[in-house]
Amino acid sequence: MAITISKSSALNDDLWNEWAPQLIAVMQDADSEKNIYEETLNAIFNVKKSKRFGEKATTMTEFDNMEVVAEGSDGVQDDFSEGYAKLIEHFQFIKTMVLTAEMAEDADVDMMKAKARNFVQAYKRSRLAYATAMLTGATATTFNYGAKTGISNAGGDGKAIFATDHPAFKYKTTAAYNQSNVFTNDLGSNAVMLNRLANIGRNFKNDTGIVQGYTFDTIIIPGNQPAMEDTVKKIIGSDGEVGTNYNDINTQRGKWKLIVNPLWQWTPTAPATNVPYILMSSEANKELLGNVFWDRKEFDVKDEVLVPSRNYRASGRARWSAGCYNWRHMLMGVASSGTTLS
């Protein structure tokens, strides 16, 4: 990812012409550095570029299975159609940075470079923060980010992304076809619940009622729960069956990728103390356009010298959005309300 930095207007200023090129170089270096926020975003979301005010996608139904027909008979006429549609609209984000004239006069190089680097870091962190707010708030049809409230988070079927009653488009008036991808169950200390939920995810049906068969292979957990992180690593990494003295292999070993999202900070609310988690199929996430992060305009930086104070000010502007065009690529456990598996 590359930020765009316009030619510095400070190059013609007697005070800032020495420092402006260095500040720009620091911002460019910060953009190219390895970054946990970008890595996490790219691991959970399909990151794409947009050239419109928003991006709309529609699910499709499928032809049903072929039927046996008698000799000389016509085939059963079938068709497919558009299913549920979802529009994700972009928002504008702006951040400014000010360096004082005294910093330049006193050659406070370390502080100026630290601010310039953190300026770019704030942009990268904000992208993941927004995407995390969307994803962890997906048990409702709206979510909040900072001071912005009520951002639409409903799926194409009008339900929350994590819901107990997702209807199949072809059978949306038949409740028997409804499906749940939100559960109240704790993951536990062994592979039993993980295996059971992965099987539920593999048997999610599409809008025609046909089983998709995707393998669930990713576990996403909050970044502030070390006990949960340790337990998951044991469940998916131990050679033998976790928590037993049996001489059995661990059937989950090597099947899962663990993503610890540093910006998913979960605080327990009594009496609930179990930690929420998300299971995802990386293949379904890509093929179904599950989690999508849209970059409408990447970080565009312009600077100026403020005449009244002689301070240096940089302004960075970006536009992005995040959402889900489908729900069948993931499920959540330990939700406040959901399906309870016995």
Protein backbone atom coordinates (compact mmCIF):
# COMPACT_ATOMS: atom_id res chain seq x y z
CA MET A 1 0.00 0.00 0.00
CA ALA A 2 1.34 3.46 -0.86
CA ILE A 3 0.34 6.79 0.56
CA THR A 4 0.28 9.83 -1.71
CA ILE A 5 2.27 12.87 -0.60
CA SER A 6 1.88 16.05 -2.60
CA LYS A 7 4.92 18.26 -3.26
CA SER A 8 5.64 20.06 -0.03
CA SER A 9 4.69 23.72 0.12
CA ALA A 10 7.19 24.02 3.00
CA LEU A 11 10.15 23.67 0.63
CA ASN A 12 9.97 27.40 -0.06
CA ASP A 13 9.93 28.34 3.62
CA ASP A 14 13.20 29.45 5.20
CA LEU A 15 12.42 27.68 8.48
CA TRP A 16 10.96 24.42 7.19
CA ASN A 17 12.77 23.84 3.87
CA GLU A 18 15.41 21.78 5.66
CA TRP A 19 12.98 19.58 7.59
CA ALA A 20 10.08 19.05 5.16
CA PRO A 21 11.96 16.56 2.89
CA GLN A 22 13.03 14.55 5.96
CA LEU A 23 9.47 14.41 7.28
CA ILE A 24 8.19 13.22 3.91
CA ALA A 25 10.88 10.53 3.79
CA VAL A 26 9.89 9.33 7.26
CA MET A 27 6.24 9.06 6.19
CA GLN A 28 7.21 7.08 3.11
CA ASP A 29 9.39 4.76 5.19
CA ALA A 30 6.56 4.24 7.68
CA ASP A 31 4.27 3.29 4.83
CA SER A 32 6.63 0.56 3.62
CA GLU A 33 7.41 -0.90 7.05
CA LYS A 34 5.97 -4.23 8.16
CA ASN A 35 2.82 -3.49 10.12
CA ILE A 36 0.63 -5.71 12.34
CA TYR A 37 -2.46 -3.66 11.51
CA GLU A 38 -2.17 -4.24 7.77
CA GLU A 39 -1.28 -7.90 8.26
CA THR A 40 -4.36 -8.49 10.40
CA LEU A 41 -6.65 -6.60 8.02
CA ASN A 42 -5.40 -8.56 5.02
CA ALA A 43 -5.78 -11.86 6.89
CA ILE A 44 -9.45 -11.27 7.74
CA PHE A 45 -10.71 -9.13 4.85
CA ASN A 46 -10.64 -9.07 1.08
CA VAL A 47 -8.97 -5.67 0.58
CA LYS A 48 -10.07 -4.10 -2.70
CA LYS A 49 -10.01 -0.73 -4.46
CA SER A 50 -13.12 1.17 -5.45
CA LYS A 51 -13.79 3.99 -7.91
CA ARG A 52 -17.38 4.70 -6.88
CA PHE A 53 -19.28 6.18 -3.93
CA GLY A 54 -20.03 2.63 -2.80
CA GLU A 55 -19.91 -0.97 -3.96
CA LYS A 56 -22.89 -3.26 -4.45
CA ALA A 57 -22.83 -7.03 -4.80
CA THR A 58 -25.60 -9.59 -5.20
CA THR A 59 -25.75 -13.27 -4.34
CA MET A 60 -27.01 -15.71 -6.96
CA THR A 61 -29.20 -18.77 -6.68
CA GLU A 62 -28.17 -21.95 -8.52
CA PHE A 63 -29.70 -24.63 -10.69
CA ASP A 64 -31.04 -27.45 -8.52
CA ASN A 65 -29.79 -31.02 -8.88
CA MET A 66 -30.72 -32.92 -12.03
CA GLU A 67 -33.66 -35.34 -11.82
CA VAL A 68 -34.23 -38.78 -13.29
CA VAL A 69 -36.85 -38.59 -16.08
CA ALA A 70 -38.67 -41.27 -18.04
CA GLU A 71 -37.69 -42.16 -21.59
CA GLY A 72 -38.95 -39.60 -24.07
CA SER A 73 -39.79 -37.07 -21.33
CA ASP A 74 -38.70 -33.44 -21.19
CA GLY A 75 -36.17 -32.29 -18.63
CA VAL A 76 -37.32 -30.32 -15.61
CA GLN A 77 -37.07 -26.61 -16.42
CA ASP A 78 -34.95 -24.72 -13.93
CA ASP A 79 -33.41 -21.27 -13.69
CA PHE A 80 -31.23 -19.15 -11.44
CA SER A 81 -31.67 -15.53 -10.42
CA GLU A 82 -30.20 -12.73 -8.37
CA GLY A 83 -30.49 -13.22 -4.64
CA TYR A 84 -29.89 -10.73 -1.84
CA ALA A 85 -28.10 -7.46 -2.66
CA LYS A 86 -25.89 -5.40 -0.37
CA LEU A 87 -24.54 -1.86 -0.88
CA ILE A 88 -21.50 -0.76 1.11
CA GLU A 89 -20.96 3.02 1.09
CA HIS A 90 -17.63 4.73 1.76
CA PHE A 91 -16.88 7.29 4.46
CA GLN A 92 -14.33 10.12 4.60
CA PHE A 93 -11.56 10.18 7.23
CA ILE A 94 -9.21 13.12 7.88
CA LYS A 95 -6.30 13.55 10.31
CA THR A 96 -4.04 16.59 10.82
CA MET A 97 -0.58 16.85 12.38
CA VAL A 98 1.09 20.04 13.62
CA LEU A 99 4.80 20.54 14.32
CA THR A 100 5.72 23.77 16.07
CA ALA A 101 8.17 26.36 14.81
CA GLU A 102 10.14 25.86 18.03
CA MET A 103 10.73 22.19 17.09
CA ALA A 104 12.31 23.27 13.82
CA GLU A 105 14.36 26.09 15.37
CA ASP A 106 15.67 23.78 18.13
CA ALA A 107 16.28 20.89 15.73
CA ASP A 108 14.09 18.53 17.74
CA VAL A 109 14.59 15.89 15.09
CA ASP A 110 13.56 12.80 17.04
CA MET A 111 10.20 14.23 18.08
CA MET A 112 9.40 15.53 14.59
CA LYS A 113 10.23 12.16 13.02
CA ALA A 114 8.27 10.28 15.68
CA LYS A 115 5.18 12.39 14.97
CA ALA A 116 5.54 11.93 11.21
CA ARG A 117 5.86 8.16 11.58
CA ASN A 118 2.91 7.96 13.98
CA PHE A 119 0.84 10.07 11.57
CA VAL A 120 1.02 7.24 9.01
CA GLN A 121 0.60 4.58 11.68
CA ALA A 122 -2.64 6.25 12.79
CA TYR A 123 -4.01 5.82 9.27
CA LYS A 124 -3.13 2.13 9.12
CA ARG A 125 -4.44 1.49 12.62
CA SER A 126 -7.69 3.33 11.86
CA ARG A 127 -8.43 1.07 8.90
CA LEU A 128 -8.22 -2.03 11.06
CA ALA A 129 -10.08 -0.31 13.92
CA TYR A 130 -12.98 0.48 11.60
CA ALA A 131 -13.03 -3.04 10.13
CA THR A 132 -12.86 -4.56 13.62
CA ALA A 133 -15.76 -2.40 14.83
CA MET A 134 -17.79 -3.62 11.85
CA LEU A 135 -16.94 -7.28 12.37
CA THR A 136 -17.31 -7.48 16.15
CA GLY A 137 -20.48 -5.38 15.98
CA ALA A 138 -22.06 -7.70 13.41
CA THR A 139 -24.50 -9.22 15.91
CA ALA A 140 -26.59 -6.09 15.26
CA THR A 141 -27.72 -4.37 12.06
CA THR A 142 -25.75 -1.20 12.87
CA PHE A 143 -22.39 -0.48 14.49
CA ASN A 144 -20.54 2.52 15.88
CA TYR A 145 -17.06 3.83 15.10
CA GLY A 146 -15.71 6.67 17.19
CA ALA A 147 -18.30 9.44 17.28
CA LYS A 148 -20.13 8.04 14.24
CA THR A 149 -23.14 5.95 15.28
CA GLY A 150 -25.71 3.87 13.45
CA ILE A 151 -23.54 2.72 10.52
CA SER A 152 -25.46 0.11 8.54
CA ASN A 153 -24.26 -3.43 9.16
CA ALA A 154 -27.19 -5.46 7.88
CA GLY A 155 -26.63 -8.19 5.33
CA GLY A 156 -28.48 -8.43 2.04
CA ASP A 157 -31.16 -10.50 3.76
CA GLY A 158 -31.86 -7.65 6.20
CA LYS A 159 -30.46 -9.63 9.14
CA ALA A 160 -27.36 -8.97 11.21
CA ILE A 161 -24.31 -10.74 9.77
CA PHE A 162 -24.37 -13.01 12.83
CA ALA A 163 -28.01 -14.09 13.19
CA THR A 164 -30.06 -17.14 14.11
CA ASP A 165 -32.55 -16.88 11.25
CA HIS A 166 -30.82 -16.24 7.92
CA PRO A 167 -33.37 -17.05 5.18
CA ALA A 168 -32.44 -18.80 1.92
CA PHE A 169 -33.48 -16.55 -0.97
CA LYS A 170 -35.19 -19.30 -2.94
CA TYR A 171 -37.15 -20.42 0.14
CA LYS A 172 -37.33 -17.18 2.11
CA THR A 173 -40.94 -17.79 3.16
CA THR A 174 -40.11 -21.25 4.52
CA ALA A 175 -38.68 -21.04 8.03
CA ALA A 176 -37.36 -24.60 7.82
CA TYR A 177 -34.61 -23.32 5.50
CA ASN A 178 -33.44 -20.64 7.96
CA GLN A 179 -29.86 -21.03 9.24
CA SER A 180 -27.91 -19.77 12.24
CA ASN A 181 -24.27 -18.66 12.35
CA VAL A 182 -24.24 -17.28 15.89
CA PHE A 183 -23.89 -19.46 18.98
CA THR A 184 -23.69 -18.96 22.73
CA ASN A 185 -21.38 -21.92 23.38
CA ASP A 186 -17.91 -21.53 24.86
CA LEU A 187 -15.07 -23.00 22.80
CA GLY A 188 -14.00 -25.11 25.77
CA SER A 189 -10.61 -26.65 26.52
CA ASN A 190 -10.62 -29.41 23.92
CA ALA A 191 -11.48 -29.87 20.24
CA VAL A 192 -15.08 -31.06 20.69
CA MET A 193 -16.87 -27.72 20.18
CA LEU A 194 -14.39 -26.51 17.57
CA ASN A 195 -14.95 -29.65 15.50
CA ARG A 196 -18.72 -29.41 15.89
CA LEU A 197 -18.90 -25.77 14.83
CA ALA A 198 -16.56 -26.37 11.89
CA ASN A 199 -18.92 -29.10 10.74
CA ILE A 200 -21.89 -26.74 11.01
CA GLY A 201 -20.01 -24.19 8.90
CA ARG A 202 -19.13 -26.82 6.30
CA ASN A 203 -22.82 -27.67 5.98
CA PHE A 204 -24.09 -24.12 5.52
CA LYS A 205 -26.46 -24.03 2.56
CA ASN A 206 -26.56 -21.40 -0.17
CA ASP A 207 -29.58 -19.41 -1.34
CA THR A 208 -30.85 -22.45 -3.26
CA GLY A 209 -30.61 -24.72 -0.23
CA ILE A 210 -27.54 -26.61 -1.48
CA VAL A 211 -24.74 -27.50 0.95
CA GLN A 212 -21.59 -25.47 0.19
CA GLY A 213 -18.97 -27.74 1.76
CA TYR A 214 -16.38 -25.09 2.64
CA THR A 215 -13.66 -26.03 5.14
CA PHE A 216 -13.45 -23.72 8.14
CA ASP A 217 -9.77 -23.11 8.86
CA THR A 218 -9.38 -19.77 10.68
CA ILE A 219 -9.96 -18.78 14.32
CA ILE A 220 -10.16 -15.08 15.22
CA ILE A 221 -9.94 -14.04 18.88
CA PRO A 222 -9.54 -10.79 20.87
CA GLY A 223 -6.03 -9.49 21.47
CA ASN A 224 -6.35 -9.07 25.24
CA GLN A 225 -7.21 -12.63 26.25
CA PRO A 226 -3.95 -14.55 26.78
CA ALA A 227 -5.61 -17.53 28.47
CA MET A 228 -7.93 -17.98 25.48
CA GLU A 229 -4.98 -17.62 23.10
CA ASP A 230 -3.02 -20.27 25.00
CA THR A 231 -5.99 -22.66 25.00
CA VAL A 232 -6.58 -22.29 21.27
CA LYS A 233 -2.91 -22.88 20.52
CA LYS A 234 -3.05 -26.11 22.52
CA ILE A 235 -6.24 -27.28 20.79
CA ILE A 236 -4.94 -26.69 17.26
CA GLY A 237 -1.23 -27.40 17.80
CA SER A 238 -0.84 -30.34 20.16
CA ASP A 239 0.23 -33.69 18.75
CA GLY A 240 -2.15 -35.67 20.95
CA GLU A 241 -5.77 -35.19 21.91
CA VAL A 242 -5.91 -32.18 24.24
CA GLY A 243 -6.95 -32.67 27.85
CA THR A 244 -6.82 -36.50 27.89
CA ASN A 245 -4.37 -39.32 28.56
CA TYR A 246 -5.53 -41.16 25.46
CA ASN A 247 -2.98 -42.21 22.89
CA ASP A 248 -4.98 -40.53 20.12
CA ILE A 249 -3.87 -38.04 17.50
CA ASN A 250 -5.17 -34.49 17.59
CA THR A 251 -7.40 -34.34 14.50
CA GLN A 252 -7.33 -30.51 14.55
CA ARG A 253 -3.55 -30.18 14.35
CA GLY A 254 -2.41 -28.37 11.23
CA LYS A 255 -5.94 -27.53 10.08
CA TRP A 256 -6.30 -24.09 11.65
CA LYS A 257 -4.77 -20.63 11.46
CA LEU A 258 -5.06 -18.46 14.58
CA ILE A 259 -5.51 -14.69 14.13
CA VAL A 260 -5.18 -12.59 17.28
CA ASN A 261 -6.68 -9.20 16.44
CA PRO A 262 -4.87 -6.59 18.57
CA LEU A 263 -7.70 -4.10 18.19
CA TRP A 264 -10.45 -6.50 19.28
CA GLN A 265 -10.36 -5.64 22.96
CA TRP A 266 -12.97 -7.63 24.85
CA THR A 267 -14.03 -6.75 28.39
CA PRO A 268 -16.15 -9.32 30.25
CA THR A 269 -19.47 -8.20 31.68
CA ALA A 270 -20.63 -10.18 34.72
CA PRO A 271 -21.95 -12.80 34.94
CA ALA A 272 -20.60 -13.66 31.47
CA THR A 273 -16.86 -14.39 31.54
CA ASN A 274 -16.34 -16.61 28.47
CA VAL A 275 -14.42 -15.09 25.58
CA PRO A 276 -16.09 -14.64 22.16
CA TYR A 277 -14.46 -16.01 19.02
CA ILE A 278 -15.08 -16.16 15.28
CA LEU A 279 -14.51 -19.16 13.02
CA MET A 280 -14.00 -18.48 9.33
CA SER A 281 -13.44 -20.33 6.07
CA SER A 282 -10.69 -18.49 4.18
CA GLU A 283 -11.82 -20.11 0.92
CA ALA A 284 -15.46 -19.10 1.41
CA ASN A 285 -14.38 -15.62 2.49
CA LYS A 286 -12.72 -15.11 -0.90
CA GLU A 287 -15.21 -16.91 -3.14
CA LEU A 288 -18.35 -15.46 -1.54
CA LEU A 289 -16.89 -11.97 -0.97
CA GLY A 290 -17.54 -12.39 2.73
CA ASN A 291 -15.53 -9.74 4.59
CA VAL A 292 -14.60 -6.90 2.24
CA PHE A 293 -12.62 -3.74 2.95
CA TRP A 294 -12.89 -1.11 0.23
CA ASP A 295 -10.19 1.54 -0.28
CA ARG A 296 -11.90 4.38 -2.14
CA LYS A 297 -9.03 6.82 -1.65
CA GLU A 298 -5.78 5.92 0.06
CA PHE A 299 -4.03 8.30 2.46
CA ASP A 300 -3.44 11.59 0.61
CA VAL A 301 -1.14 13.98 2.47
CA LYS A 302 -0.76 17.72 1.86
CA ASP A 303 1.20 20.16 3.99
CA GLU A 304 1.49 23.90 4.59
CA VAL A 305 3.26 26.42 6.80
CA LEU A 306 0.83 28.42 8.93
CA VAL A 307 1.78 32.08 8.59
CA PRO A 308 0.46 33.34 11.97
CA SER A 309 2.39 30.73 14.03
CA ARG A 310 5.01 29.53 11.50
CA ASN A 311 3.97 26.00 12.48
CA TYR A 312 4.09 23.13 9.99
CA ARG A 313 0.77 21.37 9.42
CA ALA A 314 0.13 18.19 7.45
CA SER A 315 -3.36 16.97 6.60
CA GLY A 316 -4.08 13.41 5.55
CA ARG A 317 -7.37 12.38 3.95
CA ALA A 318 -8.74 8.95 3.00
CA ARG A 319 -12.01 7.22 2.17
CA TRP A 320 -12.87 3.61 2.91
CA SER A 321 -15.60 1.21 3.97
CA ALA A 322 -16.04 -2.33 5.21
CA GLY A 323 -18.85 -4.85 5.24
CA CYS A 324 -20.02 -8.36 4.37
CA TYR A 325 -21.76 -9.41 1.16
CA ASN A 326 -22.44 -12.86 2.56
CA TRP A 327 -22.55 -14.49 6.00
CA ARG A 328 -21.81 -18.14 5.16
CA HIS A 329 -18.04 -17.77 5.46
CA MET A 330 -18.00 -17.36 9.25
CA LEU A 331 -19.74 -17.95 12.55
CA MET A 332 -19.43 -16.53 16.07
CA GLY A 333 -19.31 -18.25 19.43
CA VAL A 334 -20.07 -16.88 22.93
CA ALA A 335 -22.50 -14.30 21.58
CA SER A 336 -24.84 -12.61 24.09
CA SER A 337 -27.74 -14.23 22.26
CA GLY A 338 -27.80 -16.98 19.69
CA THR A 339 -28.30 -20.68 19.12
CA THR A 340 -27.23 -22.86 22.05
CA LEU A 341 -25.87 -26.29 21.15
CA SER A 342 -26.62 -28.98 23.72
